[in-house]
C-alpha atoms as a PDB file:
ATOM      1  CA  MET A   1     120.162  71.863-129.762  1.00  0.00           C
ATOM      2  CA  ASP A   2     117.068  74.002-130.402  1.00  0.00           C
ATOM      3  CA  ASP A   3     114.054  74.304-128.093  1.00  0.00           C
ATOM      4  CA  LYS A   4     112.028  71.791-130.103  1.00  0.00           C
ATOM      5  CA  GLN A   5     114.754  69.149-129.847  1.00  0.00           C
ATOM      6  CA  SER A   6     115.331  69.764-126.154  1.00  0.00           C
ATOM      7  CA  LYS A   7     111.676  69.055-125.392  1.00  0.00           C
ATOM      8  CA  HIS A   8     112.102  65.553-126.824  1.00  0.00           C
ATOM      9  CA  SER A   9     115.410  64.626-125.215  1.00  0.00           C
ATOM     10  CA  MET A  10     115.569  61.939-122.528  1.00  0.00           C
ATOM     11  CA  LYS A  11     117.727  61.717-119.440  1.00  0.00           C
ATOM     12  CA  VAL A  12     119.721  58.678-118.404  1.00  0.00           C
ATOM     13  CA  ILE A  13     118.473  57.823-114.916  1.00  0.00           C
ATOM     14  CA  ALA A  14     120.630  54.753-114.242  1.00  0.00           C
ATOM     15  CA  HIS A  15     122.993  52.129-115.646  1.00  0.00           C
ATOM     16  CA  ILE A  16     122.707  48.367-115.367  1.00  0.00           C
ATOM     17  CA  HIS A  17     125.713  46.209-114.531  1.00  0.00           C
ATOM     18  CA  THR A  18     125.843  42.687-115.966  1.00  0.00           C
ATOM     19  CA  ASP A  19     128.424  40.045-116.866  1.00  0.00           C
ATOM     20  CA  PHE A  20     128.320  40.883-120.593  1.00  0.00           C
ATOM     21  CA  THR A  21     131.026  43.298-121.723  1.00  0.00           C
ATOM     22  CA  GLU A  22     130.164  42.877-125.427  1.00  0.00           C
ATOM     23  CA  LYS A  23     127.037  42.208-127.482  1.00  0.00           C
ATOM     24  CA  PHE A  24     127.982  38.659-128.472  1.00  0.00           C
ATOM     25  CA  GLY A  25     126.403  36.124-126.116  1.00  0.00           C
ATOM     26  CA  ILE A  26     123.634  38.328-124.757  1.00  0.00           C
ATOM     27  CA  PRO A  27     120.282  36.460-124.710  1.00  0.00           C
ATOM     28  CA  ARG A  28     117.995  37.291-127.626  1.00  0.00           C
ATOM     29  CA  GLN A  29     115.226  38.393-125.276  1.00  0.00           C
ATOM     30  CA  SER A  30     114.845  39.224-121.606  1.00  0.00           C
ATOM     31  CA  GLY A  31     113.600  36.518-119.247  1.00  0.00           C
ATOM     32  CA  LEU A  32     115.113  33.617-121.196  1.00  0.00           C
ATOM     33  CA  ILE A  33     117.849  32.980-118.620  1.00  0.00           C
ATOM     34  CA  ASP A  34     116.673  33.729-115.101  1.00  0.00           C
ATOM     35  CA  VAL A  35     120.037  32.949-113.480  1.00  0.00           C
ATOM     36  CA  LEU A  36     121.673  35.967-115.122  1.00  0.00           C
ATOM     37  CA  LYS A  37     122.055  38.558-112.387  1.00  0.00           C
ATOM     38  CA  GLY A  38     122.325  42.307-112.734  1.00  0.00           C
ATOM     39  CA  THR A  39     122.327  45.457-110.630  1.00  0.00           C
ATOM     40  CA  ILE A  40     120.873  48.832-111.519  1.00  0.00           C
ATOM     41  CA  VAL A  41     122.657  51.871-110.059  1.00  0.00           C
ATOM     42  CA  PHE A  42     120.962  55.245-110.357  1.00  0.00           C
ATOM     43  CA  GLU A  43     122.633  58.451-111.407  1.00  0.00           C
ATOM     44  CA  PRO A  44     123.207  60.852-108.452  1.00  0.00           C
ATOM     45  CA  GLU A  45     120.218  63.046-109.391  1.00  0.00           C
ATOM     46  CA  TYR A  46     117.836  60.080-109.083  1.00  0.00           C
ATOM     47  CA  ARG A  47     119.110  58.373-105.932  1.00  0.00           C
ATOM     48  CA  ASN A  48     116.092  59.411-103.929  1.00  0.00           C
ATOM     49  CA  PRO A  49     114.491  56.394-102.195  1.00  0.00           C
ATOM     50  CA  ASP A  50     111.101  58.098-102.434  1.00  0.00           C
ATOM     51  CA  ALA A  51     111.187  57.606-106.216  1.00  0.00           C
ATOM     52  CA  LEU A  52     111.045  53.832-105.634  1.00  0.00           C
ATOM     53  CA  ARG A  53     108.440  53.824-102.887  1.00  0.00           C
ATOM     54  CA  GLY A  54     106.121  50.853-103.488  1.00  0.00           C
ATOM     55  CA  LEU A  55     108.267  49.230-106.185  1.00  0.00           C
ATOM     56  CA  GLU A  56     109.316  46.479-103.765  1.00  0.00           C
ATOM     57  CA  GLU A  57     105.763  45.119-103.970  1.00  0.00           C
ATOM     58  CA  PHE A  58     106.233  44.121-107.635  1.00  0.00           C
ATOM     59  CA  SER A  59     107.968  40.966-108.852  1.00  0.00           C
ATOM     60  CA  HIS A  60     108.916  42.268-112.313  1.00  0.00           C
ATOM     61  CA  ILE A  61     109.793  45.585-113.904  1.00  0.00           C
ATOM     62  CA  TRP A  62     110.020  47.063-117.386  1.00  0.00           C
ATOM     63  CA  LEU A  63     113.240  48.750-118.447  1.00  0.00           C
ATOM     64  CA  ILE A  64     113.401  51.319-121.215  1.00  0.00           C
ATOM     65  CA  TRP A  65     117.007  51.570-122.291  1.00  0.00           C
ATOM     66  CA  GLU A  66     119.398  52.606-125.028  1.00  0.00           C
ATOM     67  CA  PHE A  67     121.125  50.317-127.525  1.00  0.00           C
ATOM     68  CA  SER A  68     124.268  52.275-126.702  1.00  0.00           C
ATOM     69  CA  GLU A  69     126.438  50.194-129.063  1.00  0.00           C
ATOM     70  CA  SER A  70     124.055  50.626-131.992  1.00  0.00           C
ATOM     71  CA  VAL A  71     123.384  54.380-132.085  1.00  0.00           C
ATOM     72  CA  ARG A  72     123.596  55.754-135.623  1.00  0.00           C
ATOM     73  CA  ASP A  73     122.447  58.828-137.535  1.00  0.00           C
ATOM     74  CA  SER A  74     120.624  56.929-140.289  1.00  0.00           C
ATOM     75  CA  TRP A  75     117.973  54.212-140.269  1.00  0.00           C
ATOM     76  CA  SER A  76     116.409  51.704-142.657  1.00  0.00           C
ATOM     77  CA  PRO A  77     112.694  50.829-142.918  1.00  0.00           C
ATOM     78  CA  THR A  78     113.615  47.142-143.123  1.00  0.00           C
ATOM     79  CA  VAL A  79     116.091  44.972-141.245  1.00  0.00           C
ATOM     80  CA  ARG A  80     117.306  41.367-141.404  1.00  0.00           C
ATOM     81  CA  PRO A  81     116.333  39.620-138.127  1.00  0.00           C
ATOM     82  CA  PRO A  82     119.081  37.123-137.174  1.00  0.00           C
ATOM     83  CA  ARG A  83     116.463  34.591-136.078  1.00  0.00           C
ATOM     84  CA  LEU A  84     115.192  34.473-139.671  1.00  0.00           C
ATOM     85  CA  GLY A  85     118.619  33.519-140.967  1.00  0.00           C
ATOM     86  CA  GLY A  86     119.868  37.039-141.651  1.00  0.00           C
ATOM     87  CA  ASN A  87     118.538  37.082-145.220  1.00  0.00           C
ATOM     88  CA  LYS A  88     114.811  37.775-145.013  1.00  0.00           C
ATOM     89  CA  ARG A  89     113.840  41.407-144.498  1.00  0.00           C
ATOM     90  CA  MET A  90     111.109  42.571-142.139  1.00  0.00           C
ATOM     91  CA  GLY A  91     109.849  46.040-141.273  1.00  0.00           C
ATOM     92  CA  VAL A  92     111.930  47.578-138.521  1.00  0.00           C
ATOM     93  CA  PHE A  93     108.794  48.217-136.447  1.00  0.00           C
ATOM     94  CA  ALA A  94     107.881  44.522-136.747  1.00  0.00           C
ATOM     95  CA  THR A  95     111.151  43.554-135.045  1.00  0.00           C
ATOM     96  CA  ARG A  96     113.152  44.298-131.940  1.00  0.00           C
ATOM     97  CA  SER A  97     116.237  45.171-133.931  1.00  0.00           C
ATOM     98  CA  PRO A  98     118.565  47.740-132.332  1.00  0.00           C
ATOM     99  CA  PHE A  99     118.869  49.559-135.672  1.00  0.00           C
ATOM    100  CA  ARG A 100     115.867  51.839-135.255  1.00  0.00           C
ATOM    101  CA  PRO A 101     115.130  55.555-135.705  1.00  0.00           C
ATOM    102  CA  ASN A 102     115.536  55.767-131.928  1.00  0.00           C
ATOM    103  CA  ALA A 103     117.930  53.174-130.503  1.00  0.00           C
ATOM    104  CA  ILE A 104     115.613  52.232-127.635  1.00  0.00           C
ATOM    105  CA  GLY A 105     115.102  48.784-126.126  1.00  0.00           C
ATOM    106  CA  LEU A 106     112.375  47.375-123.886  1.00  0.00           C
ATOM    107  CA  SER A 107     112.938  44.533-121.426  1.00  0.00           C
ATOM    108  CA  CYS A 108     110.848  42.873-118.754  1.00  0.00           C
ATOM    109  CA  ILE A 109     113.037  41.467-115.968  1.00  0.00           C
ATOM    110  CA  LYS A 110     112.607  40.125-112.450  1.00  0.00           C
ATOM    111  CA  LEU A 111     113.162  42.432-109.488  1.00  0.00           C
ATOM    112  CA  GLU A 112     115.010  40.373-106.885  1.00  0.00           C
ATOM    113  CA  GLY A 113     115.267  43.115-104.294  1.00  0.00           C
ATOM    114  CA  ILE A 114     116.157  46.705-103.463  1.00  0.00           C
ATOM    115  CA  GLU A 115     119.319  47.491-101.510  1.00  0.00           C
ATOM    116  CA  GLN A 116     119.819  50.796 -99.734  1.00  0.00           C
ATOM    117  CA  HIS A 117     123.501  51.501-100.322  1.00  0.00           C
ATOM    118  CA  PRO A 118     125.163  54.109 -98.071  1.00  0.00           C
ATOM    119  CA  GLU A 119     126.934  55.808-100.983  1.00  0.00           C
ATOM    120  CA  LEU A 120     125.098  54.784-104.163  1.00  0.00           C
ATOM    121  CA  GLY A 121     121.569  55.076-102.820  1.00  0.00           C
ATOM    122  CA  PRO A 122     118.944  52.474-103.788  1.00  0.00           C
ATOM    123  CA  ILE A 123     120.302  49.650-105.947  1.00  0.00           C
ATOM    124  CA  LEU A 124     117.977  47.288-107.808  1.00  0.00           C
ATOM    125  CA  HIS A 125     119.010  43.632-107.889  1.00  0.00           C
ATOM    126  CA  THR A 126     117.586  41.918-110.947  1.00  0.00           C
ATOM    127  CA  SER A 127     117.623  38.663-112.908  1.00  0.00           C
ATOM    128  CA  GLY A 128     116.905  37.732-116.495  1.00  0.00           C
ATOM    129  CA  ALA A 129     118.241  40.870-118.192  1.00  0.00           C
ATOM    130  CA  ASP A 130     119.332  40.853-121.845  1.00  0.00           C
ATOM    131  CA  LEU A 131     121.541  43.924-121.543  1.00  0.00           C
ATOM    132  CA  MET A 132     125.233  44.617-121.871  1.00  0.00           C
ATOM    133  CA  ASN A 133     127.204  45.918-118.931  1.00  0.00           C
ATOM    134  CA  ASN A 134     126.807  49.647-118.297  1.00  0.00           C
ATOM    135  CA  THR A 135     123.769  50.020-120.580  1.00  0.00           C
ATOM    136  CA  PRO A 136     122.032  53.385-120.002  1.00  0.00           C
ATOM    137  CA  ILE A 137     118.519  53.156-118.525  1.00  0.00           C
ATOM    138  CA  TYR A 138     115.953  55.810-119.447  1.00  0.00           C
ATOM    139  CA  ASP A 139     113.015  54.631-117.363  1.00  0.00           C
ATOM    140  CA  ILE A 140     111.742  51.925-115.021  1.00  0.00           C
ATOM    141  CA  LYS A 141     108.104  50.914-114.746  1.00  0.00           C
ATOM    142  CA  PRO A 142     106.362  48.154-112.761  1.00  0.00           C
ATOM    143  CA  TYR A 143     105.046  45.124-114.637  1.00  0.00           C
ATOM    144  CA  LEU A 144     101.263  45.017-114.198  1.00  0.00           C
ATOM    145  CA  THR A 145      99.834  41.503-114.298  1.00  0.00           C
ATOM    146  CA  TYR A 146      96.307  42.644-115.200  1.00  0.00           C
ATOM    147  CA  ALA A 147      97.416  44.821-118.126  1.00  0.00           C
ATOM    148  CA  ASP A 148     100.768  43.538-119.401  1.00  0.00           C
ATOM    149  CA  SER A 149      99.827  39.903-120.022  1.00  0.00           C
ATOM    150  CA  TYR A 150      97.610  38.826-122.933  1.00  0.00           C
ATOM    151  CA  PRO A 151      97.182  35.007-123.020  1.00  0.00           C
ATOM    152  CA  ASP A 152      95.515  35.175-126.449  1.00  0.00           C
ATOM    153  CA  ALA A 153      98.207  37.378-128.038  1.00  0.00           C
ATOM    154  CA  VAL A 154      99.570  36.360-131.449  1.00  0.00           C
ATOM    155  CA  GLY A 155     103.347  36.324-131.975  1.00  0.00           C
ATOM    156  CA  GLY A 156     103.425  36.821-135.742  1.00  0.00           C
ATOM    157  CA  TYR A 157     106.352  35.319-137.634  1.00  0.00           C
ATOM    158  CA  THR A 158     108.168  34.518-134.380  1.00  0.00           C
ATOM    159  CA  GLU A 159     105.734  31.678-133.661  1.00  0.00           C
ATOM    160  CA  SER A 160     107.105  29.719-136.608  1.00  0.00           C
ATOM    161  CA  LEU A 161     110.692  29.909-135.333  1.00  0.00           C
ATOM    162  CA  GLU A 162     112.161  26.804-133.803  1.00  0.00           C
ATOM    163  CA  ASP A 163     113.194  27.331-130.193  1.00  0.00           C
ATOM    164  CA  TYR A 164     115.998  24.930-129.420  1.00  0.00           C
ATOM    165  CA  ILE A 165     118.507  24.257-126.675  1.00  0.00           C
ATOM    166  CA  LEU A 166     122.006  22.985-127.342  1.00  0.00           C
ATOM    167  CA  GLU A 167     123.685  20.252-125.352  1.00  0.00           C
ATOM    168  CA  VAL A 168     126.730  21.792-123.678  1.00  0.00           C
ATOM    169  CA  ASP A 169     129.952  19.816-123.316  1.00  0.00           C
ATOM    170  CA  PHE A 170     131.944  21.840-120.782  1.00  0.00           C
ATOM    171  CA  PRO A 171     135.062  19.895-119.694  1.00  0.00           C
ATOM    172  CA  GLU A 172     135.438  19.833-115.921  1.00  0.00           C
ATOM    173  CA  GLU A 173     138.954  21.254-115.991  1.00  0.00           C
ATOM    174  CA  LEU A 174     137.656  24.296-117.874  1.00  0.00           C
ATOM    175  CA  LEU A 175     134.426  24.648-115.935  1.00  0.00           C
ATOM    176  CA  HIS A 176     136.357  24.824-112.669  1.00  0.00           C
ATOM    177  CA  ILE A 177     138.129  27.953-113.908  1.00  0.00           C
ATOM    178  CA  ILE A 178     134.763  29.721-113.644  1.00  0.00           C
ATOM    179  CA  PRO A 179     133.702  30.750-110.100  1.00  0.00           C
ATOM    180  CA  ASP A 180     130.996  28.510-108.607  1.00  0.00           C
ATOM    181  CA  HIS A 181     128.316  31.212-108.598  1.00  0.00           C
ATOM    182  CA  LYS A 182     128.792  31.921-112.321  1.00  0.00           C
ATOM    183  CA  ARG A 183     128.840  28.350-113.671  1.00  0.00           C
ATOM    184  CA  GLU A 184     125.098  27.829-114.032  1.00  0.00           C
ATOM    185  CA  ALA A 185     124.678  31.153-115.802  1.00  0.00           C
ATOM    186  CA  ILE A 186     127.437  30.576-118.369  1.00  0.00           C
ATOM    187  CA  GLN A 187     126.137  27.090-119.145  1.00  0.00           C
ATOM    188  CA  GLU A 188     122.644  28.503-119.700  1.00  0.00           C
ATOM    189  CA  VAL A 189     124.032  31.198-122.006  1.00  0.00           C
ATOM    190  CA  LEU A 190     125.848  28.561-124.060  1.00  0.00           C
ATOM    191  CA  ALA A 191     122.833  26.241-124.170  1.00  0.00           C
ATOM    192  CA  HIS A 192     120.762  29.028-125.755  1.00  0.00           C
ATOM    193  CA  ASP A 193     123.308  29.177-128.607  1.00  0.00           C
ATOM    194  CA  PRO A 194     124.941  32.630-128.588  1.00  0.00           C
ATOM    195  CA  ARG A 195     125.901  32.379-132.277  1.00  0.00           C
ATOM    196  CA  PRO A 196     124.077  34.447-134.899  1.00  0.00           C
ATOM    197  CA  SER A 197     121.337  32.217-136.332  1.00  0.00           C
ATOM    198  CA  TYR A 198     122.774  32.481-139.850  1.00  0.00           C
ATOM    199  CA  GLN A 199     126.139  30.998-138.825  1.00  0.00           C
ATOM    200  CA  ASN A 200     126.467  27.220-138.778  1.00  0.00           C
ATOM    201  CA  ASP A 201     130.121  26.449-139.404  1.00  0.00           C
ATOM    202  CA  SER A 202     131.128  23.374-137.398  1.00  0.00           C
ATOM    203  CA  ASN A 203     134.825  24.178-137.854  1.00  0.00           C
ATOM    204  CA  ARG A 204     134.614  27.733-136.614  1.00  0.00           C
ATOM    205  CA  ILE A 205     135.746  28.633-133.104  1.00  0.00           C
ATOM    206  CA  TYR A 206     133.569  31.281-131.491  1.00  0.00           C
ATOM    207  CA  GLY A 207     134.490  33.362-128.477  1.00  0.00           C
ATOM    208  CA  PHE A 208     132.968  35.951-126.185  1.00  0.00           C
ATOM    209  CA  GLU A 209     133.547  37.599-122.823  1.00  0.00           C
ATOM    210  CA  PHE A 210     131.469  36.741-119.782  1.00  0.00           C
ATOM    211  CA  ALA A 211     132.069  37.637-116.127  1.00  0.00           C
ATOM    212  CA  GLY A 212     135.714  38.473-116.755  1.00  0.00           C
ATOM    213  CA  PHE A 213     136.480  35.351-118.796  1.00  0.00           C
ATOM    214  CA  ASN A 214     136.925  34.695-122.501  1.00  0.00           C
ATOM    215  CA  ILE A 215     134.938  31.598-123.457  1.00  0.00           C
ATOM    216  CA  ARG A 216     135.772  29.834-126.750  1.00  0.00           C
ATOM    217  CA  PHE A 217     133.652  27.058-128.215  1.00  0.00           C
ATOM    218  CA  THR A 218     132.604  25.125-131.295  1.00  0.00           C
ATOM    219  CA  VAL A 219     129.209  23.763-132.323  1.00  0.00           C
ATOM    220  CA  ARG A 220     128.694  20.544-134.229  1.00  0.00           C
ATOM    221  CA  GLY A 221     125.102  19.525-134.766  1.00  0.00           C
ATOM    222  CA  ASN A 222     123.276  20.002-131.465  1.00  0.00           C
ATOM    223  CA  ILE A 223     126.405  19.842-129.294  1.00  0.00           C
ATOM    224  CA  LEU A 224     128.351  22.904-128.162  1.00  0.00           C
ATOM    225  CA  THR A 225     131.839  22.118-126.902  1.00  0.00           C
ATOM    226  CA  VAL A 226     133.843  24.576-124.821  1.00  0.00           C
ATOM    227  CA  CYS A 227     137.475  24.413-125.904  1.00  0.00           C
ATOM    228  CA  GLU A 228     139.113  27.232-123.940  1.00  0.00           C
ATOM    229  CA  VAL A 229     138.513  29.468-120.927  1.00  0.00           C
ATOM    230  CA  LYS A 230     140.855  32.341-120.146  1.00  0.00           C
ATOM    231  CA  GLY A 231     140.688  35.064-117.534  1.00  0.00           C
ATOM    232  CA  MET A 232     140.608  38.590-118.921  1.00  0.00           C
ATOM    233  CA  HIS A 233     143.545  40.702-117.765  1.00  0.00           C
ATOM    234  CA  LYS A 234     142.957  44.427-118.113  1.00  0.00           C
END
C-alpha cells in the first residue's frame, strides 16, 4: 500500500453482534423491526469510555459499516434493486445496494444503553439494526433531531413501492422451540417477508438462520407458514 492509499484507509473500530448469521432474512432497512437487539463491542484500541462521553444523552445513533460479505474489486454504475423486482436497473448511487465502489453501509438505530464491561470496555446495546452478526463498524455518530430529519424530503422511486406485511402462521409446537425472548423478533422478521422481492414461488421452501435456529417456511398469497424449526449444531 502506497502513501496515497494509506491516507484513505479506514480502521475498524468495533463489531456488532446480532442474531443474523447470514444475509438472508436481514431487514431491508434499519429501524423497520425495533425488537431486533444487537450489541456493539469495540476493538481494544477504542475501548476508552471517554470516547463515548455524552453519547448516552442521545436516543439514536448512525453507524457507518462495511458490507463485509459483498466486498469486490469491481463495480457497476447500475444495479438491480430487489424491491423493484430485480429486473429494473437504477444508478448505484441512487440505491443502497451493497455492490458499490466502496462497500459501505449507513444505518440509523436506537441506542438502548451503554454497559461498562470489566473486560470488553463500553458496550452499546442497540435495537433496530439491519446488520449481520460480526459486521465491522467504521464509525458511530449521534443522530441529531434538528439536522437529520427532513419532514418534506422526497423518497424518489421508493415512494411508489408497496409496503406490505405478511400474515404469519407459526404453529405453536414450532414456535415453542424458539426461546421466549426471541419469539417476537422472529415473527416480525417473517412478517416483513425476508424473501427477495422477485421471488414468488408458492411451492418453494425458504430457509434462513436466526438466533441459532434454522427457520423454514413457505409463502402463499399473503400468508407465510413456518414448516420447520431446527436448532443449529456447530
